[in-house]
Amino acid sequence: MYSFFNYYPKWLQKAGYETAFIGKWHMGNKTDMPRDGFDF
């Protein structure tokens, strides 16, 4: 993803929350990108 976007998890982190991505994450394709902004 682009680094200039403000991701929702980053807003939560600034408010003192820890964030996580829960669920199936399809990996292996060239178009798959990391879930930017999550702690876990």
C-alpha atoms as a PDB file:
ATOM      1  CA  MET A   1       0.000   0.000   0.000  1.00  0.00           C
ATOM      2  CA  TYR A   2       0.967   3.608  -0.264  1.00  0.00           C
ATOM      3  CA  SER A   3       2.687   5.118   2.769  1.00  0.00           C
ATOM      4  CA  PHE A   4       0.869   8.458   2.470  1.00  0.00           C
ATOM      5  CA  PHE A   5      -2.553   6.945   3.294  1.00  0.00           C
ATOM      6  CA  ASN A   6      -3.899   7.261   6.846  1.00  0.00           C
ATOM      7  CA  TYR A   7      -5.118   3.783   7.693  1.00  0.00           C
ATOM      8  CA  TYR A   8      -7.939   3.299  10.201  1.00  0.00           C
ATOM      9  CA  PRO A   9      -5.741   1.127  12.495  1.00  0.00           C
ATOM     10  CA  LYS A  10      -3.228   3.971  12.767  1.00  0.00           C
ATOM     11  CA  TRP A  11      -5.959   6.296  14.038  1.00  0.00           C
ATOM     12  CA  LEU A  12      -6.891   3.730  16.681  1.00  0.00           C
ATOM     13  CA  GLN A  13      -3.237   3.298  17.694  1.00  0.00           C
ATOM     14  CA  LYS A  14      -2.851   7.048  18.154  1.00  0.00           C
ATOM     15  CA  ALA A  15      -5.863   6.880  20.507  1.00  0.00           C
ATOM     16  CA  GLY A  16      -4.104   4.188  22.593  1.00  0.00           C
ATOM     17  CA  TYR A  17      -5.627   1.039  21.095  1.00  0.00           C
ATOM     18  CA  GLU A  18      -3.750  -2.036  19.870  1.00  0.00           C
ATOM     19  CA  THR A  19      -4.967  -3.384  16.534  1.00  0.00           C
ATOM     20  CA  ALA A  20      -5.058  -6.835  14.942  1.00  0.00           C
ATOM     21  CA  PHE A  21      -6.129  -8.440  11.685  1.00  0.00           C
ATOM     22  CA  ILE A  22      -8.204 -11.570  12.349  1.00  0.00           C
ATOM     23  CA  GLY A  23      -9.345 -13.852   9.557  1.00  0.00           C
ATOM     24  CA  LYS A  24      -8.137 -15.541   6.414  1.00  0.00           C
ATOM     25  CA  TRP A  25      -5.385 -13.690   4.624  1.00  0.00           C
ATOM     26  CA  HIS A  26      -4.736 -14.925   1.088  1.00  0.00           C
ATOM     27  CA  MET A  27      -1.014 -14.888   0.396  1.00  0.00           C
ATOM     28  CA  GLY A  28       1.067 -16.077  -2.499  1.00  0.00           C
ATOM     29  CA  ASN A  29      -0.177 -14.000  -5.392  1.00  0.00           C
ATOM     30  CA  LYS A  30       1.903 -11.123  -6.697  1.00  0.00           C
ATOM     31  CA  THR A  31      -1.020  -8.768  -6.014  1.00  0.00           C
ATOM     32  CA  ASP A  32      -1.305  -9.708  -2.311  1.00  0.00           C
ATOM     33  CA  MET A  33      -0.232  -6.877  -0.057  1.00  0.00           C
ATOM     34  CA  PRO A  34       0.403  -6.770   3.712  1.00  0.00           C
ATOM     35  CA  ARG A  35      -2.283  -5.446   6.020  1.00  0.00           C
ATOM     36  CA  ASP A  36      -0.666  -2.087   6.720  1.00  0.00           C
ATOM     37  CA  GLY A  37      -1.217  -0.472  10.072  1.00  0.00           C
ATOM     38  CA  PHE A  38      -2.083  -3.464  12.249  1.00  0.00           C
ATOM     39  CA  ASP A  39      -0.070  -4.378  15.363  1.00  0.00           C
ATOM     40  CA  PHE A  40      -0.871  -8.100  15.138  1.00  0.00           C
END
